[in-house]
Each structure stands twice: as C-alpha cells, then as structure tokens.
Amino acid sequence: MTSIRFVVYSDYLCPWCYNASVRLREIEAEYAGAVELEWRSYLLRPERREHSDPKAALEKFRRYTESWRRPASESPSGDFQVWSSDEGPPSHSVPAHLVSKAAARVSPESFRAMHERLMRAYFSQNRDISSSETLRSLWDELALPKDAFEVSREPALLDEVLGDHREALELGATGVPAVQLEGNPAVIVGAHPVELYRRWVDRSLERAANPEPAAN
C-alpha cells in the first residue's frame, strides 16, 4: 500500500493546534494505513514566565481565553472551555512537550493518548499543563509506567524539544499548527478545513503511486 507521512509542528498551548489535531486525526483514521502523522514540538512560550502578581496574571489569562470561543465555533473543533479554574496561567510550553515525548518513548499508543489528554486537560478542563503536579497526574490517569515519567527530566529530551522548534523555524514556520509533507520543504501553517487536508492527501498519494519518470 502506498503511504505518506506528514510532520506536524504543534504547541499544546495553541487553540488552533487543538483543532488541527482533531481534523488530522480524522484524516488519519479515514486513510487508515496510508497516512502517518509525526508530531513535533513548537514553542509559543519557550521560556518560563514569573508573575509578580499571580492573581492579576490569572485574571488577565481568563480574559484571554475568551478568544477560544472563535476556534470553538468551527467544525470540527476541540472541546473548549473559557478558563474557570484557579490554576495557571501556564508558565511556558516546554513541560507539556517533555511529557508527551516521554510518553512516546513508552509506545506510539502512549504518545497518542498523552497528546490528546494534554489538550483536553488544558482547553476543556482548564488544568495548568505546565505544572509538574498536573503532568504527573495526567501520566497516572493514563496508567503509564510510573518510572518512565522520569524520562521527561532528561536533558536529551529537552534537546529534542528545542531541536524540533529550531527545525520548524528554519523551515519557515512562522506559527502553528504547521504541516509538512515528508520530503517536501514547504510547510502549510494554520488549522485548515478537513476537505483541504483531504485534497492534499489525495494528491500526495496519487503522486506517490505514480511518480514521474526520471529525466534522461
């Protein structure tokens, strides 16, 4: 069977990445065995932020999450809830990526479960996914091997996260979600309709199945 791979640069703090994840998972299921998704890190907030007035920062963050109503209005979309908890705001993007990559070291299925759980925890349940306590709780909820969580603290994994981010910038990804067909240097930025992704997949599969003959 002809198959193609898409590399997806994404951040767990990006609402549009949540929508893209929902749509690309739909495409992956529709083209079962013919489309593979490889998720890589992009850091909208690469450095930790410390707030001198945590209460004021949380209220400002609550107002910001009102903007999630826009991606929530699209279809299909993730499940969004304007921030109602007393957790947060998230300090930076890195911790969630470290934990998702640690889950990937366990198995592809573990990564998939953690990837989806992180987005649901943040956007639907208003949990601070930059908090080590929250991340450990999510890990335990998924019944992943307890010792494997410690992999998220390894310097090599941080290097991998930062390397993914640099790679995306070098490719010209000015934002996320950003999708690249493996072997093609171009990236498409934005959470596009399922139909656009479907047309892209159909064209790519056709070209892969019927490559142009090499010039003499």
N, C-alpha and C. Protein backbone atom coordinates (compact mmCIF):
# COMPACT_ATOMS: atom_id res chain seq x y z
N MET A 1 0.84 -1.19 0.00
CA MET A 1 0.00 0.00 0.00
C MET A 1 0.88 1.25 0.00
N THR A 2 0.52 2.21 -0.86
CA THR A 2 1.22 3.49 -0.86
C THR A 2 0.89 4.25 0.42
N SER A 3 1.92 4.84 1.04
CA SER A 3 1.68 5.60 2.26
C SER A 3 2.53 6.86 2.26
N ILE A 4 2.07 7.84 3.00
CA ILE A 4 2.78 9.12 3.11
C ILE A 4 2.81 9.53 4.58
N ARG A 5 3.78 10.37 4.90
CA ARG A 5 3.93 10.84 6.28
C ARG A 5 3.87 12.37 6.30
N PHE A 6 3.10 12.89 7.25
CA PHE A 6 3.05 14.33 7.48
C PHE A 6 3.72 14.63 8.81
N VAL A 7 4.59 15.61 8.81
CA VAL A 7 5.21 16.10 10.04
C VAL A 7 4.41 17.31 10.50
N VAL A 8 3.94 17.27 11.74
CA VAL A 8 3.08 18.33 12.27
C VAL A 8 3.79 19.02 13.43
N TYR A 9 4.08 20.30 13.26
CA TYR A 9 4.65 21.10 14.35
C TYR A 9 3.50 21.75 15.11
N SER A 10 3.50 21.57 16.42
CA SER A 10 2.34 21.95 17.20
C SER A 10 2.75 22.34 18.62
N ASP A 11 1.91 23.16 19.27
CA ASP A 11 2.15 23.53 20.66
C ASP A 11 0.89 23.25 21.47
N TYR A 12 1.06 22.70 22.66
CA TYR A 12 -0.08 22.33 23.49
C TYR A 12 -0.81 23.52 24.08
N LEU A 13 -0.26 24.72 23.96
CA LEU A 13 -0.93 25.92 24.45
C LEU A 13 -1.64 26.67 23.33
N CYS A 14 -1.68 26.09 22.14
CA CYS A 14 -2.26 26.76 20.97
C CYS A 14 -3.65 26.20 20.67
N PRO A 15 -4.70 27.02 20.76
CA PRO A 15 -6.05 26.51 20.49
C PRO A 15 -6.24 26.02 19.07
N TRP A 16 -5.58 26.66 18.11
CA TRP A 16 -5.72 26.23 16.72
C TRP A 16 -5.04 24.89 16.50
N CYS A 17 -4.02 24.60 17.29
CA CYS A 17 -3.38 23.28 17.21
C CYS A 17 -4.33 22.19 17.68
N TYR A 18 -5.18 22.52 18.64
CA TYR A 18 -6.19 21.56 19.10
C TYR A 18 -7.14 21.21 17.96
N ASN A 19 -7.61 22.25 17.25
CA ASN A 19 -8.49 21.99 16.11
C ASN A 19 -7.78 21.19 15.02
N ALA A 20 -6.54 21.55 14.74
CA ALA A 20 -5.80 20.81 13.71
C ALA A 20 -5.61 19.36 14.12
N SER A 21 -5.37 19.12 15.40
CA SER A 21 -5.19 17.75 15.88
C SER A 21 -6.46 16.93 15.65
N VAL A 22 -7.62 17.52 15.97
CA VAL A 22 -8.89 16.83 15.76
C VAL A 22 -9.07 16.48 14.28
N ARG A 23 -8.78 17.43 13.40
CA ARG A 23 -9.00 17.23 11.97
C ARG A 23 -8.00 16.26 11.37
N LEU A 24 -6.75 16.37 11.78
CA LEU A 24 -5.74 15.47 11.22
C LEU A 24 -5.94 14.04 11.73
N ARG A 25 -6.42 13.89 12.95
CA ARG A 25 -6.73 12.55 13.45
C ARG A 25 -7.88 11.95 12.63
N GLU A 26 -8.82 12.79 12.23
CA GLU A 26 -9.92 12.33 11.38
C GLU A 26 -9.37 11.85 10.03
N ILE A 27 -8.45 12.61 9.48
CA ILE A 27 -7.82 12.21 8.21
C ILE A 27 -7.04 10.92 8.38
N GLU A 28 -6.30 10.81 9.46
CA GLU A 28 -5.51 9.61 9.72
C GLU A 28 -6.41 8.38 9.79
N ALA A 29 -7.56 8.52 10.44
CA ALA A 29 -8.49 7.40 10.55
C ALA A 29 -9.13 7.08 9.20
N GLU A 30 -9.46 8.12 8.44
CA GLU A 30 -10.09 7.93 7.13
C GLU A 30 -9.18 7.20 6.16
N TYR A 31 -7.89 7.52 6.21
CA TYR A 31 -6.91 6.91 5.30
C TYR A 31 -6.07 5.90 6.08
N ALA A 32 -6.71 5.09 6.84
CA ALA A 32 -6.02 4.15 7.74
C ALA A 32 -4.94 3.37 7.00
N GLY A 33 -3.71 3.48 7.51
CA GLY A 33 -2.59 2.77 6.91
C GLY A 33 -1.90 3.51 5.80
N ALA A 34 -2.55 4.54 5.24
CA ALA A 34 -1.97 5.27 4.13
C ALA A 34 -1.39 6.62 4.55
N VAL A 35 -1.81 7.12 5.71
CA VAL A 35 -1.35 8.41 6.20
C VAL A 35 -0.80 8.24 7.62
N GLU A 36 0.40 8.74 7.82
CA GLU A 36 1.02 8.70 9.14
C GLU A 36 1.32 10.13 9.58
N LEU A 37 1.05 10.43 10.84
CA LEU A 37 1.33 11.74 11.40
C LEU A 37 2.49 11.64 12.38
N GLU A 38 3.44 12.52 12.23
CA GLU A 38 4.54 12.61 13.19
C GLU A 38 4.48 13.99 13.83
N TRP A 39 4.25 14.03 15.13
CA TRP A 39 4.09 15.29 15.84
C TRP A 39 5.42 15.76 16.41
N ARG A 40 5.74 17.03 16.16
CA ARG A 40 6.97 17.61 16.68
C ARG A 40 6.65 18.89 17.44
N SER A 41 7.60 19.32 18.22
CA SER A 41 7.37 20.43 19.15
C SER A 41 7.60 21.79 18.49
N TYR A 42 6.72 22.72 18.84
CA TYR A 42 6.89 24.13 18.52
C TYR A 42 6.57 24.87 19.81
N LEU A 43 7.36 25.87 20.15
CA LEU A 43 7.23 26.52 21.46
C LEU A 43 6.74 27.96 21.31
N LEU A 44 5.46 28.16 21.53
CA LEU A 44 4.93 29.53 21.52
C LEU A 44 5.44 30.32 22.72
N ARG A 45 5.68 29.63 23.82
CA ARG A 45 6.24 30.25 25.02
C ARG A 45 7.47 29.45 25.43
N PRO A 46 8.61 29.71 24.80
CA PRO A 46 9.78 28.87 25.05
C PRO A 46 10.42 29.06 26.42
N GLU A 47 10.19 30.21 27.06
CA GLU A 47 10.85 30.49 28.33
C GLU A 47 9.82 30.68 29.44
N ARG A 48 10.19 30.24 30.63
CA ARG A 48 9.30 30.35 31.80
C ARG A 48 9.02 31.82 32.13
N ARG A 49 7.78 32.10 32.43
CA ARG A 49 7.39 33.44 32.87
C ARG A 49 7.06 33.42 34.35
N GLU A 50 7.62 34.35 35.09
CA GLU A 50 7.29 34.51 36.50
C GLU A 50 6.43 35.76 36.64
N HIS A 51 5.35 35.67 37.41
CA HIS A 51 4.43 36.79 37.56
C HIS A 51 4.56 37.40 38.95
N SER A 52 4.78 38.70 38.99
CA SER A 52 4.90 39.38 40.28
C SER A 52 3.56 39.44 41.00
N ASP A 53 2.48 39.42 40.23
CA ASP A 53 1.14 39.44 40.81
C ASP A 53 0.35 38.28 40.20
N PRO A 54 0.45 37.09 40.78
CA PRO A 54 -0.20 35.90 40.20
C PRO A 54 -1.70 36.07 40.02
N LYS A 55 -2.36 36.73 40.97
CA LYS A 55 -3.81 36.89 40.86
C LYS A 55 -4.17 37.74 39.65
N ALA A 56 -3.46 38.83 39.44
CA ALA A 56 -3.72 39.69 38.28
C ALA A 56 -3.40 38.95 36.99
N ALA A 57 -2.33 38.16 37.00
CA ALA A 57 -1.96 37.40 35.81
C ALA A 57 -3.04 36.38 35.46
N LEU A 58 -3.61 35.75 36.48
CA LEU A 58 -4.67 34.77 36.23
C LEU A 58 -5.91 35.45 35.64
N GLU A 59 -6.28 36.59 36.16
CA GLU A 59 -7.45 37.29 35.63
C GLU A 59 -7.22 37.73 34.18
N LYS A 60 -6.02 38.17 33.88
CA LYS A 60 -5.70 38.55 32.50
C LYS A 60 -5.78 37.33 31.60
N PHE A 61 -5.30 36.21 32.11
CA PHE A 61 -5.35 34.97 31.34
C PHE A 61 -6.79 34.54 31.11
N ARG A 62 -7.64 34.67 32.11
CA ARG A 62 -9.05 34.33 31.94
C ARG A 62 -9.65 35.12 30.79
N ARG A 63 -9.33 36.42 30.74
CA ARG A 63 -9.87 37.26 29.67
C ARG A 63 -9.34 36.79 28.31
N TYR A 64 -8.07 36.42 28.28
CA TYR A 64 -7.50 35.92 27.03
C TYR A 64 -8.26 34.69 26.52
N THR A 65 -8.63 33.78 27.42
CA THR A 65 -9.26 32.54 26.99
C THR A 65 -10.67 32.75 26.43
N GLU A 66 -11.21 33.95 26.58
CA GLU A 66 -12.46 34.26 25.89
C GLU A 66 -12.27 34.11 24.37
N SER A 67 -11.04 34.32 23.91
CA SER A 67 -10.75 34.21 22.47
C SER A 67 -10.87 32.77 21.97
N TRP A 68 -10.90 31.81 22.91
CA TRP A 68 -11.07 30.42 22.50
C TRP A 68 -12.45 30.16 21.91
N ARG A 69 -13.39 31.08 22.10
CA ARG A 69 -14.71 30.90 21.53
C ARG A 69 -14.65 30.84 20.01
N ARG A 70 -13.66 31.53 19.44
CA ARG A 70 -13.57 31.52 17.98
C ARG A 70 -13.20 30.15 17.44
N PRO A 71 -12.08 29.52 17.86
CA PRO A 71 -11.82 28.17 17.36
C PRO A 71 -12.91 27.18 17.76
N ALA A 72 -13.57 27.42 18.90
CA ALA A 72 -14.64 26.52 19.33
C ALA A 72 -15.84 26.60 18.39
N SER A 73 -16.00 27.72 17.68
CA SER A 73 -17.15 27.90 16.80
C SER A 73 -16.99 27.16 15.48
N GLU A 74 -15.79 26.70 15.18
CA GLU A 74 -15.55 26.00 13.92
C GLU A 74 -15.90 24.52 14.07
N SER A 75 -16.01 23.84 12.92
CA SER A 75 -16.34 22.41 12.96
C SER A 75 -15.53 21.68 11.89
N PRO A 76 -14.93 20.55 12.29
CA PRO A 76 -14.85 20.04 13.65
C PRO A 76 -13.83 20.82 14.47
N SER A 77 -14.01 20.77 15.77
CA SER A 77 -13.11 21.51 16.66
C SER A 77 -12.87 20.71 17.91
N GLY A 78 -11.90 21.20 18.70
CA GLY A 78 -11.70 20.64 20.02
C GLY A 78 -12.80 21.09 20.96
N ASP A 79 -12.76 20.60 22.17
CA ASP A 79 -13.74 20.94 23.19
C ASP A 79 -13.13 22.04 24.07
N PHE A 80 -13.61 23.26 23.91
CA PHE A 80 -13.03 24.41 24.61
C PHE A 80 -13.93 24.88 25.74
N GLN A 81 -13.28 25.32 26.82
CA GLN A 81 -13.98 25.90 27.97
C GLN A 81 -13.22 27.16 28.39
N VAL A 82 -13.89 28.31 28.36
CA VAL A 82 -13.25 29.53 28.86
C VAL A 82 -12.79 29.27 30.29
N TRP A 83 -11.59 29.74 30.61
CA TRP A 83 -10.92 29.36 31.86
C TRP A 83 -11.75 29.68 33.08
N SER A 84 -12.04 28.66 33.87
CA SER A 84 -12.86 28.84 35.06
C SER A 84 -12.19 28.32 36.33
N SER A 85 -11.04 27.67 36.18
CA SER A 85 -10.35 27.13 37.36
C SER A 85 -9.43 28.18 37.97
N ASP A 86 -8.88 27.86 39.12
CA ASP A 86 -7.93 28.75 39.78
C ASP A 86 -6.48 28.36 39.49
N GLU A 87 -6.28 27.41 38.57
CA GLU A 87 -4.93 27.03 38.17
C GLU A 87 -4.40 27.99 37.12
N GLY A 88 -3.07 28.02 36.99
CA GLY A 88 -2.45 28.80 35.92
C GLY A 88 -2.26 30.26 36.30
N PRO A 89 -1.90 31.07 35.28
CA PRO A 89 -1.74 30.68 33.89
C PRO A 89 -0.50 29.81 33.68
N PRO A 90 -0.44 29.08 32.55
CA PRO A 90 0.72 28.24 32.31
C PRO A 90 1.99 29.08 32.20
N SER A 91 3.07 28.55 32.73
CA SER A 91 4.32 29.31 32.77
C SER A 91 5.05 29.31 31.44
N HIS A 92 5.02 28.18 30.72
CA HIS A 92 5.67 28.09 29.41
C HIS A 92 5.28 26.78 28.74
N SER A 93 5.70 26.63 27.48
CA SER A 93 5.28 25.50 26.64
C SER A 93 6.06 24.22 26.90
N VAL A 94 7.27 24.34 27.40
CA VAL A 94 8.20 23.21 27.40
C VAL A 94 7.72 21.99 28.17
N PRO A 95 7.20 22.13 29.41
CA PRO A 95 6.89 20.93 30.21
C PRO A 95 5.96 19.94 29.53
N ALA A 96 4.91 20.42 28.88
CA ALA A 96 3.98 19.51 28.22
C ALA A 96 4.65 18.74 27.09
N HIS A 97 5.53 19.39 26.36
CA HIS A 97 6.24 18.70 25.28
C HIS A 97 7.17 17.62 25.83
N LEU A 98 7.81 17.91 26.94
CA LEU A 98 8.71 16.92 27.54
C LEU A 98 7.93 15.66 27.94
N VAL A 99 6.76 15.86 28.51
CA VAL A 99 5.97 14.71 28.95
C VAL A 99 5.41 13.93 27.76
N SER A 100 5.01 14.63 26.71
CA SER A 100 4.49 13.91 25.54
C SER A 100 5.59 13.10 24.89
N LYS A 101 6.81 13.64 24.86
CA LYS A 101 7.92 12.88 24.28
C LYS A 101 8.33 11.72 25.18
N ALA A 102 8.21 11.89 26.48
CA ALA A 102 8.48 10.77 27.38
C ALA A 102 7.46 9.66 27.14
N ALA A 103 6.21 10.03 26.90
CA ALA A 103 5.18 9.04 26.60
C ALA A 103 5.49 8.32 25.28
N ALA A 104 6.04 9.05 24.31
CA ALA A 104 6.40 8.44 23.04
C ALA A 104 7.49 7.40 23.21
N ARG A 105 8.35 7.60 24.20
CA ARG A 105 9.38 6.60 24.48
C ARG A 105 8.77 5.29 25.00
N VAL A 106 7.58 5.38 25.59
CA VAL A 106 6.90 4.18 26.07
C VAL A 106 6.32 3.40 24.89
N SER A 107 5.56 4.11 24.03
CA SER A 107 4.97 3.47 22.85
C SER A 107 4.25 4.53 22.03
N PRO A 108 4.03 4.26 20.73
CA PRO A 108 3.23 5.21 19.92
C PRO A 108 1.83 5.41 20.49
N GLU A 109 1.24 4.36 21.01
CA GLU A 109 -0.10 4.46 21.58
C GLU A 109 -0.11 5.35 22.82
N SER A 110 0.97 5.27 23.61
CA SER A 110 1.08 6.11 24.79
C SER A 110 1.21 7.58 24.42
N PHE A 111 1.97 7.84 23.36
CA PHE A 111 2.08 9.22 22.89
C PHE A 111 0.72 9.74 22.44
N ARG A 112 0.02 8.95 21.65
CA ARG A 112 -1.28 9.39 21.15
C ARG A 112 -2.21 9.73 22.33
N ALA A 113 -2.24 8.85 23.33
CA ALA A 113 -3.11 9.09 24.48
C ALA A 113 -2.70 10.35 25.23
N MET A 114 -1.39 10.54 25.44
CA MET A 114 -0.93 11.72 26.17
C MET A 114 -1.15 12.99 25.36
N HIS A 115 -0.90 12.93 24.08
CA HIS A 115 -1.10 14.09 23.20
C HIS A 115 -2.54 14.60 23.32
N GLU A 116 -3.49 13.69 23.21
CA GLU A 116 -4.89 14.08 23.28
C GLU A 116 -5.28 14.49 24.70
N ARG A 117 -4.70 13.81 25.69
CA ARG A 117 -5.04 14.12 27.09
C ARG A 117 -4.55 15.50 27.49
N LEU A 118 -3.37 15.90 27.01
CA LEU A 118 -2.84 17.22 27.34
C LEU A 118 -3.76 18.32 26.81
N MET A 119 -4.22 18.17 25.58
CA MET A 119 -5.07 19.20 25.00
C MET A 119 -6.42 19.26 25.70
N ARG A 120 -6.97 18.11 26.02
CA ARG A 120 -8.26 18.10 26.70
C ARG A 120 -8.12 18.67 28.12
N ALA A 121 -7.02 18.33 28.79
CA ALA A 121 -6.81 18.85 30.14
C ALA A 121 -6.73 20.37 30.15
N TYR A 122 -6.03 20.93 29.18
CA TYR A 122 -5.82 22.38 29.13
C TYR A 122 -7.07 23.11 28.65
N PHE A 123 -7.53 22.75 27.47
CA PHE A 123 -8.60 23.53 26.85
C PHE A 123 -9.99 23.18 27.35
N SER A 124 -10.21 21.95 27.76
CA SER A 124 -11.54 21.52 28.19
C SER A 124 -11.72 21.55 29.70
N GLN A 125 -10.64 21.21 30.43
CA GLN A 125 -10.75 21.09 31.88
C GLN A 125 -10.04 22.20 32.63
N ASN A 126 -9.35 23.09 31.89
CA ASN A 126 -8.69 24.24 32.49
C ASN A 126 -7.68 23.84 33.56
N ARG A 127 -6.83 22.88 33.20
CA ARG A 127 -5.76 22.46 34.10
C ARG A 127 -4.43 23.02 33.59
N ASP A 128 -3.58 23.39 34.49
CA ASP A 128 -2.30 24.01 34.14
C ASP A 128 -1.31 22.93 33.72
N ILE A 129 -1.12 22.76 32.41
CA ILE A 129 -0.25 21.69 31.92
C ILE A 129 1.22 22.08 31.91
N SER A 130 1.56 23.20 32.54
CA SER A 130 2.97 23.50 32.79
C SER A 130 3.36 23.10 34.21
N SER A 131 2.39 22.68 34.99
CA SER A 131 2.63 22.27 36.37
C SER A 131 3.09 20.82 36.43
N SER A 132 4.17 20.56 37.14
CA SER A 132 4.68 19.20 37.24
C SER A 132 3.68 18.29 37.94
N GLU A 133 2.93 18.83 38.91
CA GLU A 133 1.94 18.02 39.61
C GLU A 133 0.81 17.61 38.66
N THR A 134 0.36 18.54 37.85
CA THR A 134 -0.69 18.22 36.88
C THR A 134 -0.21 17.20 35.87
N LEU A 135 1.00 17.37 35.38
CA LEU A 135 1.53 16.45 34.37
C LEU A 135 1.69 15.05 34.95
N ARG A 136 2.14 14.97 36.18
CA ARG A 136 2.26 13.65 36.81
C ARG A 136 0.88 13.02 36.99
N SER A 137 -0.09 13.83 37.32
CA SER A 137 -1.46 13.33 37.48
C SER A 137 -2.00 12.78 36.17
N LEU A 138 -1.76 13.50 35.07
CA LEU A 138 -2.22 13.03 33.77
C LEU A 138 -1.53 11.72 33.39
N TRP A 139 -0.25 11.63 33.70
CA TRP A 139 0.52 10.41 33.42
C TRP A 139 -0.10 9.23 34.16
N ASP A 140 -0.42 9.45 35.42
CA ASP A 140 -1.00 8.37 36.23
C ASP A 140 -2.42 8.02 35.77
N GLU A 141 -3.18 9.04 35.32
CA GLU A 141 -4.53 8.78 34.82
C GLU A 141 -4.49 7.82 33.63
N LEU A 142 -3.45 7.94 32.82
CA LEU A 142 -3.32 7.09 31.63
C LEU A 142 -2.67 5.75 31.95
N ALA A 143 -2.34 5.55 33.22
CA ALA A 143 -1.74 4.29 33.68
C ALA A 143 -0.45 3.96 32.92
N LEU A 144 0.34 4.99 32.64
CA LEU A 144 1.64 4.78 32.00
C LEU A 144 2.64 4.33 33.07
N PRO A 145 3.70 3.64 32.67
CA PRO A 145 4.68 3.15 33.66
C PRO A 145 5.22 4.29 34.51
N LYS A 146 5.14 4.14 35.81
CA LYS A 146 5.50 5.23 36.72
C LYS A 146 6.94 5.68 36.55
N ASP A 147 7.86 4.73 36.42
CA ASP A 147 9.28 5.09 36.30
C ASP A 147 9.57 5.84 35.01
N ALA A 148 8.78 5.59 33.97
CA ALA A 148 9.04 6.20 32.67
C ALA A 148 8.79 7.70 32.68
N PHE A 149 8.05 8.18 33.67
CA PHE A 149 7.80 9.63 33.76
C PHE A 149 9.10 10.39 33.95
N GLU A 150 10.06 9.77 34.61
CA GLU A 150 11.32 10.44 34.89
C GLU A 150 12.11 10.76 33.63
N VAL A 151 11.78 10.08 32.53
CA VAL A 151 12.45 10.38 31.26
C VAL A 151 12.21 11.83 30.86
N SER A 152 11.07 12.38 31.27
CA SER A 152 10.76 13.77 30.91
C SER A 152 11.74 14.77 31.51
N ARG A 153 12.54 14.34 32.46
CA ARG A 153 13.51 15.22 33.11
C ARG A 153 14.91 15.10 32.49
N GLU A 154 15.07 14.23 31.53
CA GLU A 154 16.39 14.01 30.94
C GLU A 154 16.79 15.16 30.02
N PRO A 155 18.02 15.66 30.12
CA PRO A 155 18.47 16.75 29.25
C PRO A 155 18.34 16.42 27.76
N ALA A 156 18.52 15.16 27.40
CA ALA A 156 18.44 14.78 25.98
C ALA A 156 17.06 15.05 25.42
N LEU A 157 16.04 14.89 26.26
CA LEU A 157 14.68 15.12 25.78
C LEU A 157 14.42 16.61 25.58
N LEU A 158 14.97 17.44 26.46
CA LEU A 158 14.87 18.88 26.27
C LEU A 158 15.57 19.29 24.98
N ASP A 159 16.73 18.71 24.72
CA ASP A 159 17.43 19.00 23.47
C ASP A 159 16.58 18.65 22.26
N GLU A 160 15.83 17.55 22.37
CA GLU A 160 14.97 17.13 21.26
C GLU A 160 13.83 18.13 21.03
N VAL A 161 13.23 18.57 22.13
CA VAL A 161 12.16 19.57 22.03
C VAL A 161 12.68 20.85 21.39
N LEU A 162 13.81 21.34 21.88
CA LEU A 162 14.37 22.58 21.34
C LEU A 162 14.80 22.40 19.89
N GLY A 163 15.29 21.20 19.56
CA GLY A 163 15.69 20.91 18.19
C GLY A 163 14.51 20.93 17.24
N ASP A 164 13.39 20.37 17.67
CA ASP A 164 12.17 20.42 16.86
C ASP A 164 11.78 21.86 16.57
N HIS A 165 11.84 22.69 17.61
CA HIS A 165 11.43 24.09 17.45
C HIS A 165 12.35 24.82 16.48
N ARG A 166 13.64 24.62 16.62
CA ARG A 166 14.59 25.26 15.69
C ARG A 166 14.34 24.79 14.26
N GLU A 167 14.09 23.51 14.11
CA GLU A 167 13.83 22.94 12.79
C GLU A 167 12.62 23.61 12.14
N ALA A 168 11.56 23.80 12.90
CA ALA A 168 10.36 24.44 12.37
C ALA A 168 10.65 25.86 11.91
N LEU A 169 11.41 26.60 12.72
CA LEU A 169 11.75 27.96 12.35
C LEU A 169 12.60 27.99 11.08
N GLU A 170 13.53 27.06 10.96
CA GLU A 170 14.38 27.00 9.77
C GLU A 170 13.58 26.67 8.51
N LEU A 171 12.49 25.94 8.68
CA LEU A 171 11.62 25.61 7.55
C LEU A 171 10.72 26.77 7.16
N GLY A 172 10.69 27.80 8.00
CA GLY A 172 9.86 28.97 7.72
C GLY A 172 8.50 28.93 8.37
N ALA A 173 8.31 28.06 9.37
CA ALA A 173 7.04 28.00 10.09
C ALA A 173 6.96 29.20 11.02
N THR A 174 6.16 30.18 10.66
CA THR A 174 6.04 31.40 11.44
C THR A 174 5.00 31.27 12.55
N GLY A 175 4.32 30.17 12.60
CA GLY A 175 3.31 29.91 13.61
C GLY A 175 2.89 28.46 13.54
N VAL A 176 1.91 28.11 14.35
CA VAL A 176 1.42 26.74 14.38
C VAL A 176 -0.12 26.75 14.43
N PRO A 177 -0.69 25.61 13.99
CA PRO A 177 -0.07 24.38 13.52
C PRO A 177 0.61 24.58 12.16
N ALA A 178 1.67 23.83 11.95
CA ALA A 178 2.39 23.86 10.68
C ALA A 178 2.60 22.41 10.22
N VAL A 179 2.20 22.12 9.00
CA VAL A 179 2.24 20.75 8.50
C VAL A 179 3.14 20.68 7.28
N GLN A 180 3.99 19.66 7.27
CA GLN A 180 4.92 19.44 6.17
C GLN A 180 4.77 18.01 5.67
N LEU A 181 4.64 17.86 4.36
CA LEU A 181 4.68 16.53 3.76
C LEU A 181 6.14 16.08 3.75
N GLU A 182 6.41 14.93 4.33
CA GLU A 182 7.79 14.47 4.42
C GLU A 182 8.43 14.44 3.03
N GLY A 183 9.62 15.01 2.94
CA GLY A 183 10.32 15.07 1.68
C GLY A 183 10.08 16.36 0.91
N ASN A 184 9.14 17.17 1.37
CA ASN A 184 8.83 18.44 0.73
C ASN A 184 9.19 19.56 1.70
N PRO A 185 10.02 20.53 1.30
CA PRO A 185 10.47 21.56 2.24
C PRO A 185 9.39 22.56 2.64
N ALA A 186 8.28 22.60 1.91
CA ALA A 186 7.24 23.58 2.19
C ALA A 186 6.42 23.18 3.41
N VAL A 187 5.96 24.17 4.17
CA VAL A 187 5.07 23.93 5.30
C VAL A 187 3.78 24.73 5.10
N ILE A 188 2.68 24.15 5.52
CA ILE A 188 1.39 24.84 5.48
C ILE A 188 1.01 25.19 6.90
N VAL A 189 0.82 26.48 7.16
CA VAL A 189 0.53 26.96 8.50
C VAL A 189 -0.96 27.23 8.65
N GLY A 190 -1.52 26.82 9.77
CA GLY A 190 -2.91 27.09 10.07
C GLY A 190 -3.72 25.82 10.27
N ALA A 191 -4.86 25.97 10.95
CA ALA A 191 -5.79 24.85 11.14
C ALA A 191 -6.80 24.89 10.00
N HIS A 192 -6.56 24.10 8.98
CA HIS A 192 -7.36 24.16 7.77
C HIS A 192 -8.54 23.20 7.83
N PRO A 193 -9.54 23.43 6.98
CA PRO A 193 -10.69 22.52 6.94
C PRO A 193 -10.26 21.11 6.56
N VAL A 194 -11.02 20.14 7.01
CA VAL A 194 -10.72 18.74 6.71
C VAL A 194 -10.63 18.53 5.20
N GLU A 195 -11.49 19.20 4.44
CA GLU A 195 -11.51 18.99 2.99
C GLU A 195 -10.19 19.41 2.36
N LEU A 196 -9.58 20.48 2.86
CA LEU A 196 -8.28 20.89 2.31
C LEU A 196 -7.24 19.83 2.59
N TYR A 197 -7.20 19.33 3.82
CA TYR A 197 -6.25 18.26 4.14
C TYR A 197 -6.51 17.02 3.27
N ARG A 198 -7.78 16.73 3.05
CA ARG A 198 -8.14 15.55 2.24
C ARG A 198 -7.63 15.69 0.81
N ARG A 199 -7.81 16.88 0.23
CA ARG A 199 -7.32 17.09 -1.14
C ARG A 199 -5.80 16.96 -1.19
N TRP A 200 -5.12 17.48 -0.19
CA TRP A 200 -3.66 17.39 -0.12
C TRP A 200 -3.23 15.93 -0.05
N VAL A 201 -3.92 15.17 0.79
CA VAL A 201 -3.59 13.75 0.91
C VAL A 201 -3.83 13.02 -0.40
N ASP A 202 -4.97 13.27 -1.04
CA ASP A 202 -5.30 12.58 -2.29
C ASP A 202 -4.25 12.87 -3.36
N ARG A 203 -3.86 14.13 -3.50
CA ARG A 203 -2.83 14.48 -4.49
C ARG A 203 -1.50 13.83 -4.16
N SER A 204 -1.15 13.84 -2.88
CA SER A 204 0.14 13.28 -2.46
C SER A 204 0.18 11.77 -2.68
N LEU A 205 -0.91 11.09 -2.37
CA LEU A 205 -0.96 9.64 -2.57
C LEU A 205 -0.90 9.30 -4.06
N GLU A 206 -1.56 10.10 -4.86
CA GLU A 206 -1.53 9.85 -6.31
C GLU A 206 -0.12 10.02 -6.86
N ARG A 207 0.57 11.06 -6.42
CA ARG A 207 1.94 11.27 -6.89
C ARG A 207 2.87 10.18 -6.40
N ALA A 208 2.65 9.72 -5.16
CA ALA A 208 3.50 8.66 -4.63
C ALA A 208 3.28 7.35 -5.37
N ALA A 209 2.04 7.11 -5.80
CA ALA A 209 1.72 5.87 -6.51
C ALA A 209 2.13 5.93 -7.97
N ASN A 210 2.22 7.16 -8.52
CA ASN A 210 2.57 7.32 -9.94
C ASN A 210 3.66 8.35 -10.09
N PRO A 211 4.86 8.04 -9.63
CA PRO A 211 5.96 9.01 -9.71
C PRO A 211 6.31 9.34 -11.16
N GLU A 212 6.71 10.58 -11.34
CA GLU A 212 7.13 10.99 -12.69
C GLU A 212 8.44 10.29 -13.05
N PRO A 213 8.56 9.85 -14.30
CA PRO A 213 9.80 9.18 -14.70
C PRO A 213 10.98 10.14 -14.64
N ALA A 214 12.13 9.61 -14.25
CA ALA A 214 13.34 10.44 -14.16
C ALA A 214 13.76 10.90 -15.55
N ALA A 215 14.22 12.14 -15.61
CA ALA A 215 14.68 12.69 -16.90
C ALA A 215 16.00 12.03 -17.28
N ASN A 216 16.15 11.77 -18.56
CA ASN A 216 17.39 11.16 -19.06
C ASN A 216 18.51 12.20 -19.14
